[in-house]
Amino acid sequence: GNAENTNWLMQVNFLSYVQLTAAALPALTKSNGSIVVISSLCGKIAIPYAASYSASKFALDGFFSSLRQELALQGRDVSVTLCILGMIDTDSTKEKVKNLDVGLVTAYPVPESALSIIKGGAVRAREIYYPWWTTLLVSVRDWFPEMREKIIRSSFQEKSQEDGD
């Protein structure tokens, strides 16, 4: 992606969360509140053609994981829940992947995703993963990095080869 697009994605997907959190933190501290952060599997595992998007989501993980530890060290009872979502069936997702072959990955329903997010925030979970297989994928991502990247690239290469025919 270009620098302008990256800047925009960082503002929307990352800096907006930082700004809202900074503004709300005093009230959240007083009420022992919760911060619920919507992220993406692309914030844990990078894929082709999503560098800027992935960067903005990786930034969420780094910032809020650090903040969670700082709050605990300061004795503030504010939970931070990072929601790691796979492909969710939204218009935005459909638009972004319409020209890509995403292989075996299917989009999951919005209502189920929303319920998972709400439940995670309600129980003050550290992280939630939806759908279920995203947990497994993130858990094994560092075991075989070369194989992981080869599998990811192969699903994109299949689409590129089909387009060339």
N, C-alpha and C. Protein backbone atom coordinates (compact mmCIF):
# COMPACT_ATOMS: atom_id res chain seq x y z
N GLY A 1 0.82 -1.19 0.00
CA GLY A 1 0.00 0.00 0.00
C GLY A 1 0.86 1.25 0.00
N ASN A 2 0.25 2.37 -0.37
CA ASN A 2 0.98 3.62 -0.38
C ASN A 2 0.94 4.27 1.00
N ALA A 3 1.79 5.27 1.17
CA ALA A 3 1.92 5.91 2.49
C ALA A 3 0.62 6.61 2.92
N GLU A 4 -0.09 7.20 1.99
CA GLU A 4 -1.34 7.88 2.32
C GLU A 4 -2.39 6.89 2.85
N ASN A 5 -2.51 5.76 2.20
CA ASN A 5 -3.44 4.72 2.64
C ASN A 5 -3.02 4.16 4.00
N THR A 6 -1.72 3.95 4.18
CA THR A 6 -1.22 3.44 5.46
C THR A 6 -1.52 4.43 6.57
N ASN A 7 -1.30 5.70 6.32
CA ASN A 7 -1.59 6.74 7.31
C ASN A 7 -3.07 6.73 7.69
N TRP A 8 -3.93 6.64 6.68
CA TRP A 8 -5.37 6.62 6.93
C TRP A 8 -5.76 5.39 7.76
N LEU A 9 -5.25 4.22 7.39
CA LEU A 9 -5.57 2.99 8.13
C LEU A 9 -5.05 3.05 9.57
N MET A 10 -3.86 3.62 9.77
CA MET A 10 -3.34 3.76 11.13
C MET A 10 -4.24 4.68 11.95
N GLN A 11 -4.74 5.74 11.34
CA GLN A 11 -5.62 6.66 12.05
C GLN A 11 -6.94 5.97 12.42
N VAL A 12 -7.53 5.30 11.47
CA VAL A 12 -8.84 4.67 11.70
C VAL A 12 -8.72 3.43 12.59
N ASN A 13 -7.79 2.54 12.29
CA ASN A 13 -7.72 1.25 12.98
C ASN A 13 -6.90 1.25 14.25
N PHE A 14 -6.04 2.25 14.44
CA PHE A 14 -5.18 2.25 15.61
C PHE A 14 -5.29 3.52 16.44
N LEU A 15 -4.95 4.65 15.86
CA LEU A 15 -4.89 5.89 16.64
C LEU A 15 -6.25 6.29 17.21
N SER A 16 -7.33 5.99 16.53
CA SER A 16 -8.65 6.29 17.08
C SER A 16 -8.88 5.54 18.39
N TYR A 17 -8.43 4.29 18.47
CA TYR A 17 -8.54 3.51 19.71
C TYR A 17 -7.69 4.14 20.82
N VAL A 18 -6.49 4.56 20.47
CA VAL A 18 -5.60 5.19 21.46
C VAL A 18 -6.23 6.47 22.00
N GLN A 19 -6.76 7.28 21.10
CA GLN A 19 -7.37 8.55 21.52
C GLN A 19 -8.61 8.33 22.39
N LEU A 20 -9.47 7.40 21.98
CA LEU A 20 -10.66 7.10 22.78
C LEU A 20 -10.29 6.53 24.15
N THR A 21 -9.30 5.67 24.17
CA THR A 21 -8.87 5.08 25.43
C THR A 21 -8.30 6.14 26.36
N ALA A 22 -7.48 7.04 25.83
CA ALA A 22 -6.91 8.11 26.66
C ALA A 22 -8.01 8.98 27.25
N ALA A 23 -9.03 9.27 26.47
CA ALA A 23 -10.13 10.10 26.96
C ALA A 23 -10.99 9.37 27.99
N ALA A 24 -11.17 8.07 27.81
CA ALA A 24 -12.07 7.31 28.68
C ALA A 24 -11.39 6.70 29.90
N LEU A 25 -10.08 6.61 29.89
CA LEU A 25 -9.37 5.89 30.95
C LEU A 25 -9.67 6.39 32.37
N PRO A 26 -9.74 7.69 32.61
CA PRO A 26 -10.08 8.12 33.98
C PRO A 26 -11.44 7.57 34.45
N ALA A 27 -12.44 7.62 33.61
CA ALA A 27 -13.76 7.10 33.97
C ALA A 27 -13.73 5.58 34.10
N LEU A 28 -13.00 4.92 33.21
CA LEU A 28 -12.90 3.46 33.28
C LEU A 28 -12.18 3.02 34.56
N THR A 29 -11.19 3.80 34.99
CA THR A 29 -10.47 3.48 36.22
C THR A 29 -11.41 3.61 37.42
N LYS A 30 -12.20 4.66 37.45
CA LYS A 30 -13.14 4.87 38.56
C LYS A 30 -14.20 3.78 38.63
N SER A 31 -14.63 3.30 37.48
CA SER A 31 -15.73 2.33 37.43
C SER A 31 -15.26 0.88 37.29
N ASN A 32 -13.93 0.67 37.31
CA ASN A 32 -13.38 -0.68 37.06
C ASN A 32 -13.92 -1.22 35.73
N GLY A 33 -13.86 -0.40 34.74
CA GLY A 33 -14.45 -0.71 33.44
C GLY A 33 -13.63 -1.62 32.57
N SER A 34 -14.06 -1.70 31.33
CA SER A 34 -13.45 -2.61 30.35
C SER A 34 -13.19 -1.88 29.04
N ILE A 35 -12.09 -2.23 28.42
CA ILE A 35 -11.76 -1.77 27.08
C ILE A 35 -11.87 -2.99 26.17
N VAL A 36 -12.67 -2.89 25.12
CA VAL A 36 -12.83 -3.98 24.16
C VAL A 36 -12.32 -3.48 22.82
N VAL A 37 -11.32 -4.17 22.30
CA VAL A 37 -10.62 -3.76 21.09
C VAL A 37 -10.91 -4.77 19.98
N ILE A 38 -11.44 -4.28 18.87
CA ILE A 38 -11.74 -5.16 17.73
C ILE A 38 -10.52 -5.19 16.82
N SER A 39 -9.93 -6.37 16.71
CA SER A 39 -8.76 -6.53 15.85
C SER A 39 -9.06 -7.60 14.81
N SER A 40 -8.02 -8.20 14.30
CA SER A 40 -8.16 -9.12 13.18
C SER A 40 -7.09 -10.19 13.26
N LEU A 41 -7.37 -11.30 12.64
CA LEU A 41 -6.35 -12.33 12.49
C LEU A 41 -5.13 -11.75 11.77
N CYS A 42 -5.36 -10.76 10.91
CA CYS A 42 -4.26 -10.09 10.20
C CYS A 42 -3.38 -9.26 11.15
N GLY A 43 -3.81 -9.10 12.40
CA GLY A 43 -2.99 -8.45 13.41
C GLY A 43 -2.15 -9.44 14.18
N LYS A 44 -2.27 -10.70 13.86
CA LYS A 44 -1.47 -11.76 14.48
C LYS A 44 -0.65 -12.51 13.44
N ILE A 45 -1.21 -12.63 12.21
CA ILE A 45 -0.55 -13.35 11.12
C ILE A 45 -0.66 -12.49 9.87
N ALA A 46 0.46 -12.09 9.33
CA ALA A 46 0.47 -11.24 8.13
C ALA A 46 0.13 -12.07 6.89
N ILE A 47 -0.62 -11.45 5.98
CA ILE A 47 -0.94 -12.10 4.70
C ILE A 47 -0.58 -11.15 3.56
N PRO A 48 -0.42 -11.68 2.35
CA PRO A 48 -0.11 -10.82 1.21
C PRO A 48 -1.23 -9.81 0.94
N TYR A 49 -0.85 -8.68 0.38
CA TYR A 49 -1.78 -7.64 -0.07
C TYR A 49 -2.54 -6.96 1.07
N ALA A 50 -2.02 -7.07 2.29
CA ALA A 50 -2.68 -6.44 3.43
C ALA A 50 -1.65 -5.82 4.38
N ALA A 51 -0.53 -5.36 3.85
CA ALA A 51 0.56 -4.86 4.71
C ALA A 51 0.11 -3.71 5.60
N SER A 52 -0.52 -2.71 5.03
CA SER A 52 -0.94 -1.55 5.83
C SER A 52 -2.02 -1.93 6.83
N TYR A 53 -2.98 -2.72 6.40
CA TYR A 53 -4.04 -3.17 7.30
C TYR A 53 -3.44 -3.99 8.44
N SER A 54 -2.56 -4.94 8.10
CA SER A 54 -1.91 -5.76 9.12
C SER A 54 -1.13 -4.90 10.11
N ALA A 55 -0.41 -3.91 9.60
CA ALA A 55 0.37 -3.03 10.48
C ALA A 55 -0.53 -2.34 11.49
N SER A 56 -1.68 -1.87 11.05
CA SER A 56 -2.59 -1.17 11.97
C SER A 56 -3.15 -2.13 13.02
N LYS A 57 -3.38 -3.37 12.65
CA LYS A 57 -3.91 -4.35 13.60
C LYS A 57 -2.82 -4.90 14.53
N PHE A 58 -1.60 -5.08 14.01
CA PHE A 58 -0.48 -5.47 14.87
C PHE A 58 -0.23 -4.37 15.91
N ALA A 59 -0.39 -3.11 15.52
CA ALA A 59 -0.20 -1.99 16.44
C ALA A 59 -1.19 -2.06 17.60
N LEU A 60 -2.44 -2.45 17.30
CA LEU A 60 -3.43 -2.60 18.37
C LEU A 60 -2.96 -3.63 19.39
N ASP A 61 -2.48 -4.76 18.93
CA ASP A 61 -2.02 -5.82 19.81
C ASP A 61 -0.88 -5.31 20.69
N GLY A 62 0.11 -4.67 20.10
CA GLY A 62 1.25 -4.18 20.86
C GLY A 62 0.85 -3.14 21.89
N PHE A 63 0.06 -2.17 21.48
CA PHE A 63 -0.33 -1.09 22.38
C PHE A 63 -1.19 -1.60 23.54
N PHE A 64 -2.25 -2.33 23.21
CA PHE A 64 -3.19 -2.73 24.26
C PHE A 64 -2.66 -3.87 25.13
N SER A 65 -1.78 -4.71 24.61
CA SER A 65 -1.14 -5.72 25.46
C SER A 65 -0.21 -5.04 26.46
N SER A 66 0.48 -4.02 26.01
CA SER A 66 1.33 -3.23 26.91
C SER A 66 0.49 -2.48 27.93
N LEU A 67 -0.57 -1.83 27.48
CA LEU A 67 -1.44 -1.09 28.38
C LEU A 67 -2.03 -2.00 29.45
N ARG A 68 -2.44 -3.21 29.05
CA ARG A 68 -3.00 -4.17 30.01
C ARG A 68 -2.01 -4.41 31.15
N GLN A 69 -0.75 -4.58 30.81
CA GLN A 69 0.27 -4.83 31.83
C GLN A 69 0.51 -3.59 32.70
N GLU A 70 0.53 -2.42 32.08
CA GLU A 70 0.71 -1.18 32.84
C GLU A 70 -0.42 -0.97 33.83
N LEU A 71 -1.64 -1.20 33.40
CA LEU A 71 -2.80 -1.04 34.29
C LEU A 71 -2.70 -1.99 35.48
N ALA A 72 -2.29 -3.23 35.23
CA ALA A 72 -2.14 -4.21 36.31
C ALA A 72 -1.05 -3.77 37.28
N LEU A 73 0.08 -3.30 36.76
CA LEU A 73 1.17 -2.83 37.63
C LEU A 73 0.75 -1.64 38.48
N GLN A 74 -0.14 -0.82 37.95
CA GLN A 74 -0.62 0.37 38.67
C GLN A 74 -1.79 0.05 39.60
N GLY A 75 -2.22 -1.21 39.61
CA GLY A 75 -3.32 -1.61 40.47
C GLY A 75 -4.67 -1.11 40.00
N ARG A 76 -4.78 -0.77 38.73
CA ARG A 76 -6.06 -0.30 38.19
C ARG A 76 -6.82 -1.50 37.62
N ASP A 77 -8.05 -1.66 38.07
CA ASP A 77 -8.87 -2.79 37.66
C ASP A 77 -9.67 -2.44 36.40
N VAL A 78 -8.94 -2.26 35.31
CA VAL A 78 -9.56 -2.00 34.00
C VAL A 78 -9.13 -3.15 33.10
N SER A 79 -10.11 -3.89 32.60
CA SER A 79 -9.76 -5.03 31.74
C SER A 79 -9.57 -4.55 30.30
N VAL A 80 -8.72 -5.28 29.60
CA VAL A 80 -8.49 -5.02 28.17
C VAL A 80 -8.72 -6.34 27.45
N THR A 81 -9.73 -6.35 26.58
CA THR A 81 -10.05 -7.53 25.80
C THR A 81 -9.72 -7.25 24.34
N LEU A 82 -8.81 -8.03 23.79
CA LEU A 82 -8.44 -7.92 22.38
C LEU A 82 -9.21 -9.00 21.62
N CYS A 83 -10.03 -8.59 20.67
CA CYS A 83 -10.87 -9.51 19.90
C CYS A 83 -10.21 -9.79 18.55
N ILE A 84 -9.80 -11.02 18.35
CA ILE A 84 -9.13 -11.45 17.13
C ILE A 84 -10.17 -12.13 16.25
N LEU A 85 -10.53 -11.47 15.17
CA LEU A 85 -11.58 -11.98 14.30
C LEU A 85 -11.01 -12.48 12.98
N GLY A 86 -11.55 -13.59 12.53
CA GLY A 86 -11.26 -14.06 11.19
C GLY A 86 -12.11 -13.29 10.19
N MET A 87 -12.37 -13.88 9.06
CA MET A 87 -13.15 -13.19 8.03
C MET A 87 -14.63 -13.21 8.42
N ILE A 88 -15.19 -12.00 8.59
CA ILE A 88 -16.57 -11.84 9.00
C ILE A 88 -17.37 -11.35 7.78
N ASP A 89 -18.57 -11.83 7.64
CA ASP A 89 -19.42 -11.57 6.48
C ASP A 89 -20.02 -10.16 6.51
N THR A 90 -19.18 -9.18 6.18
CA THR A 90 -19.62 -7.79 6.11
C THR A 90 -19.42 -7.27 4.68
N ASP A 91 -20.08 -6.18 4.34
CA ASP A 91 -19.89 -5.58 3.02
C ASP A 91 -18.45 -5.17 2.81
N SER A 92 -17.83 -4.64 3.85
CA SER A 92 -16.42 -4.22 3.77
C SER A 92 -15.52 -5.40 3.45
N THR A 93 -15.72 -6.51 4.11
CA THR A 93 -14.92 -7.70 3.85
C THR A 93 -15.15 -8.20 2.43
N LYS A 94 -16.39 -8.26 2.02
CA LYS A 94 -16.70 -8.73 0.66
C LYS A 94 -16.00 -7.88 -0.38
N GLU A 95 -15.98 -6.57 -0.18
CA GLU A 95 -15.34 -5.65 -1.11
C GLU A 95 -13.83 -5.89 -1.17
N LYS A 96 -13.23 -6.10 0.00
CA LYS A 96 -11.77 -6.26 0.07
C LYS A 96 -11.29 -7.57 -0.54
N VAL A 97 -12.09 -8.63 -0.45
CA VAL A 97 -11.62 -9.94 -0.91
C VAL A 97 -12.23 -10.37 -2.24
N LYS A 98 -13.00 -9.50 -2.88
CA LYS A 98 -13.71 -9.92 -4.09
C LYS A 98 -12.77 -10.36 -5.21
N ASN A 99 -11.56 -9.81 -5.27
CA ASN A 99 -10.63 -10.19 -6.32
C ASN A 99 -9.57 -11.17 -5.86
N LEU A 100 -9.71 -11.67 -4.65
CA LEU A 100 -8.74 -12.62 -4.12
C LEU A 100 -9.39 -13.97 -3.92
N ASP A 101 -8.61 -15.01 -4.16
CA ASP A 101 -9.06 -16.35 -3.83
C ASP A 101 -8.55 -16.62 -2.42
N VAL A 102 -9.45 -16.63 -1.46
CA VAL A 102 -9.04 -16.84 -0.07
C VAL A 102 -9.15 -18.30 0.32
N GLY A 103 -9.15 -19.17 -0.68
CA GLY A 103 -9.06 -20.60 -0.44
C GLY A 103 -10.23 -21.14 0.35
N LEU A 104 -9.90 -21.90 1.39
CA LEU A 104 -10.91 -22.59 2.18
C LEU A 104 -11.58 -21.70 3.22
N VAL A 105 -11.11 -20.48 3.36
CA VAL A 105 -11.63 -19.59 4.38
C VAL A 105 -12.98 -19.04 3.93
N THR A 106 -13.98 -19.20 4.78
CA THR A 106 -15.30 -18.65 4.50
C THR A 106 -15.59 -17.54 5.49
N ALA A 107 -16.46 -16.65 5.08
CA ALA A 107 -16.87 -15.55 5.95
C ALA A 107 -17.88 -16.06 6.97
N TYR A 108 -17.73 -15.61 8.20
CA TYR A 108 -18.61 -16.05 9.28
C TYR A 108 -19.64 -14.98 9.59
N PRO A 109 -20.80 -15.37 10.13
CA PRO A 109 -21.92 -14.45 10.34
C PRO A 109 -21.61 -13.34 11.35
N VAL A 110 -22.08 -12.14 11.03
CA VAL A 110 -21.91 -10.98 11.90
C VAL A 110 -22.54 -11.19 13.28
N PRO A 111 -23.77 -11.69 13.38
CA PRO A 111 -24.37 -11.83 14.72
C PRO A 111 -23.56 -12.73 15.66
N GLU A 112 -23.02 -13.83 15.13
CA GLU A 112 -22.22 -14.72 15.97
C GLU A 112 -20.93 -14.04 16.40
N SER A 113 -20.34 -13.29 15.50
CA SER A 113 -19.13 -12.54 15.82
C SER A 113 -19.41 -11.52 16.91
N ALA A 114 -20.50 -10.78 16.76
CA ALA A 114 -20.87 -9.77 17.75
C ALA A 114 -21.11 -10.40 19.12
N LEU A 115 -21.77 -11.54 19.14
CA LEU A 115 -22.04 -12.22 20.41
C LEU A 115 -20.73 -12.65 21.08
N SER A 116 -19.80 -13.14 20.29
CA SER A 116 -18.50 -13.55 20.82
C SER A 116 -17.78 -12.35 21.44
N ILE A 117 -17.84 -11.20 20.78
CA ILE A 117 -17.21 -9.98 21.29
C ILE A 117 -17.87 -9.55 22.60
N ILE A 118 -19.18 -9.55 22.63
CA ILE A 118 -19.91 -9.14 23.84
C ILE A 118 -19.60 -10.07 25.01
N LYS A 119 -19.60 -11.37 24.75
CA LYS A 119 -19.29 -12.33 25.81
C LYS A 119 -17.87 -12.12 26.33
N GLY A 120 -16.92 -11.92 25.43
CA GLY A 120 -15.53 -11.71 25.84
C GLY A 120 -15.37 -10.48 26.71
N GLY A 121 -16.03 -9.39 26.32
CA GLY A 121 -15.98 -8.18 27.13
C GLY A 121 -16.64 -8.36 28.48
N ALA A 122 -17.77 -9.07 28.50
CA ALA A 122 -18.53 -9.27 29.74
C ALA A 122 -17.74 -10.08 30.77
N VAL A 123 -16.98 -11.06 30.32
CA VAL A 123 -16.21 -11.88 31.25
C VAL A 123 -14.79 -11.34 31.44
N ARG A 124 -14.52 -10.20 30.82
CA ARG A 124 -13.22 -9.53 30.94
C ARG A 124 -12.07 -10.43 30.48
N ALA A 125 -12.31 -11.13 29.36
CA ALA A 125 -11.30 -12.03 28.80
C ALA A 125 -10.10 -11.21 28.31
N ARG A 126 -8.93 -11.79 28.37
CA ARG A 126 -7.72 -11.14 27.87
C ARG A 126 -7.79 -11.03 26.34
N GLU A 127 -8.12 -12.12 25.70
CA GLU A 127 -8.31 -12.17 24.24
C GLU A 127 -9.46 -13.11 23.93
N ILE A 128 -10.16 -12.81 22.84
CA ILE A 128 -11.14 -13.76 22.31
C ILE A 128 -10.79 -13.98 20.85
N TYR A 129 -11.12 -15.15 20.38
CA TYR A 129 -10.86 -15.52 19.00
C TYR A 129 -12.16 -16.01 18.38
N TYR A 130 -12.49 -15.48 17.21
CA TYR A 130 -13.68 -15.93 16.49
C TYR A 130 -13.36 -15.92 15.00
N PRO A 131 -13.70 -16.97 14.29
CA PRO A 131 -14.25 -18.25 14.72
C PRO A 131 -13.20 -19.08 15.46
N TRP A 132 -13.61 -20.24 15.91
CA TRP A 132 -12.80 -21.08 16.80
C TRP A 132 -11.42 -21.38 16.25
N TRP A 133 -11.31 -21.60 14.95
CA TRP A 133 -10.04 -22.04 14.37
C TRP A 133 -8.96 -20.95 14.40
N THR A 134 -9.36 -19.70 14.60
CA THR A 134 -8.33 -18.64 14.68
C THR A 134 -7.43 -18.85 15.89
N THR A 135 -7.97 -19.40 16.97
CA THR A 135 -7.17 -19.70 18.16
C THR A 135 -6.07 -20.68 17.81
N LEU A 136 -6.43 -21.72 17.11
CA LEU A 136 -5.47 -22.75 16.72
C LEU A 136 -4.40 -22.16 15.81
N LEU A 137 -4.83 -21.40 14.83
CA LEU A 137 -3.90 -20.81 13.88
C LEU A 137 -2.88 -19.91 14.56
N VAL A 138 -3.33 -19.07 15.47
CA VAL A 138 -2.43 -18.17 16.18
C VAL A 138 -1.51 -18.96 17.12
N SER A 139 -2.05 -20.03 17.71
CA SER A 139 -1.25 -20.84 18.64
C SER A 139 -0.06 -21.51 17.95
N VAL A 140 -0.24 -21.92 16.71
CA VAL A 140 0.84 -22.64 16.02
C VAL A 140 1.61 -21.77 15.03
N ARG A 141 1.29 -20.50 14.95
CA ARG A 141 1.90 -19.65 13.92
C ARG A 141 3.43 -19.61 13.97
N ASP A 142 4.02 -19.73 15.15
CA ASP A 142 5.47 -19.61 15.26
C ASP A 142 6.20 -20.95 15.22
N TRP A 143 5.47 -22.04 15.16
CA TRP A 143 6.11 -23.34 15.14
C TRP A 143 6.81 -23.62 13.81
N PHE A 144 6.16 -23.30 12.72
CA PHE A 144 6.69 -23.58 11.38
C PHE A 144 6.48 -22.36 10.48
N PRO A 145 7.21 -21.26 10.72
CA PRO A 145 6.93 -20.02 9.99
C PRO A 145 7.10 -20.13 8.48
N GLU A 146 8.09 -20.86 8.02
CA GLU A 146 8.29 -20.98 6.57
C GLU A 146 7.12 -21.73 5.93
N MET A 147 6.69 -22.80 6.58
CA MET A 147 5.56 -23.56 6.06
C MET A 147 4.29 -22.71 6.07
N ARG A 148 4.07 -21.96 7.14
CA ARG A 148 2.89 -21.09 7.25
C ARG A 148 2.87 -20.11 6.09
N GLU A 149 3.99 -19.45 5.85
CA GLU A 149 4.04 -18.46 4.77
C GLU A 149 3.86 -19.09 3.39
N LYS A 150 4.40 -20.28 3.21
CA LYS A 150 4.25 -20.98 1.93
C LYS A 150 2.77 -21.32 1.69
N ILE A 151 2.09 -21.78 2.72
CA ILE A 151 0.66 -22.12 2.59
C ILE A 151 -0.15 -20.87 2.28
N ILE A 152 0.13 -19.79 2.98
CA ILE A 152 -0.58 -18.53 2.73
C ILE A 152 -0.36 -18.07 1.30
N ARG A 153 0.90 -18.05 0.88
CA ARG A 153 1.20 -17.60 -0.49
C ARG A 153 0.56 -18.50 -1.54
N SER A 154 0.51 -19.79 -1.27
CA SER A 154 -0.04 -20.71 -2.27
C SER A 154 -1.51 -20.41 -2.55
N SER A 155 -2.27 -20.01 -1.54
CA SER A 155 -3.68 -19.72 -1.80
C SER A 155 -3.82 -18.47 -2.66
N PHE A 156 -2.90 -17.54 -2.53
CA PHE A 156 -2.94 -16.33 -3.36
C PHE A 156 -2.39 -16.61 -4.76
N GLN A 157 -1.39 -17.47 -4.86
CA GLN A 157 -0.81 -17.79 -6.16
C GLN A 157 -1.80 -18.54 -7.03
N GLU A 158 -2.62 -19.38 -6.42
CA GLU A 158 -3.64 -20.10 -7.20
C GLU A 158 -4.56 -19.12 -7.90
N LYS A 159 -4.96 -18.08 -7.21
CA LYS A 159 -5.83 -17.07 -7.81
C LYS A 159 -5.10 -16.33 -8.92
N SER A 160 -3.84 -15.97 -8.69
CA SER A 160 -3.06 -15.25 -9.70
C SER A 160 -2.90 -16.10 -10.96
N GLN A 161 -2.67 -17.40 -10.80
CA GLN A 161 -2.52 -18.28 -11.95
C GLN A 161 -3.83 -18.43 -12.71
N GLU A 162 -4.95 -18.49 -11.97
CA GLU A 162 -6.26 -18.59 -12.63
C GLU A 162 -6.53 -17.34 -13.45
N ASP A 163 -6.17 -16.18 -12.92
CA ASP A 163 -6.40 -14.93 -13.64
C ASP A 163 -5.56 -14.84 -14.90
N GLY A 164 -4.37 -15.48 -14.89
CA GLY A 164 -3.48 -15.44 -16.04
C GLY A 164 -3.93 -16.35 -17.17
N ASP A 165 -4.77 -17.30 -16.88
CA ASP A 165 -5.22 -18.25 -17.92
C ASP A 165 -6.22 -17.64 -18.86
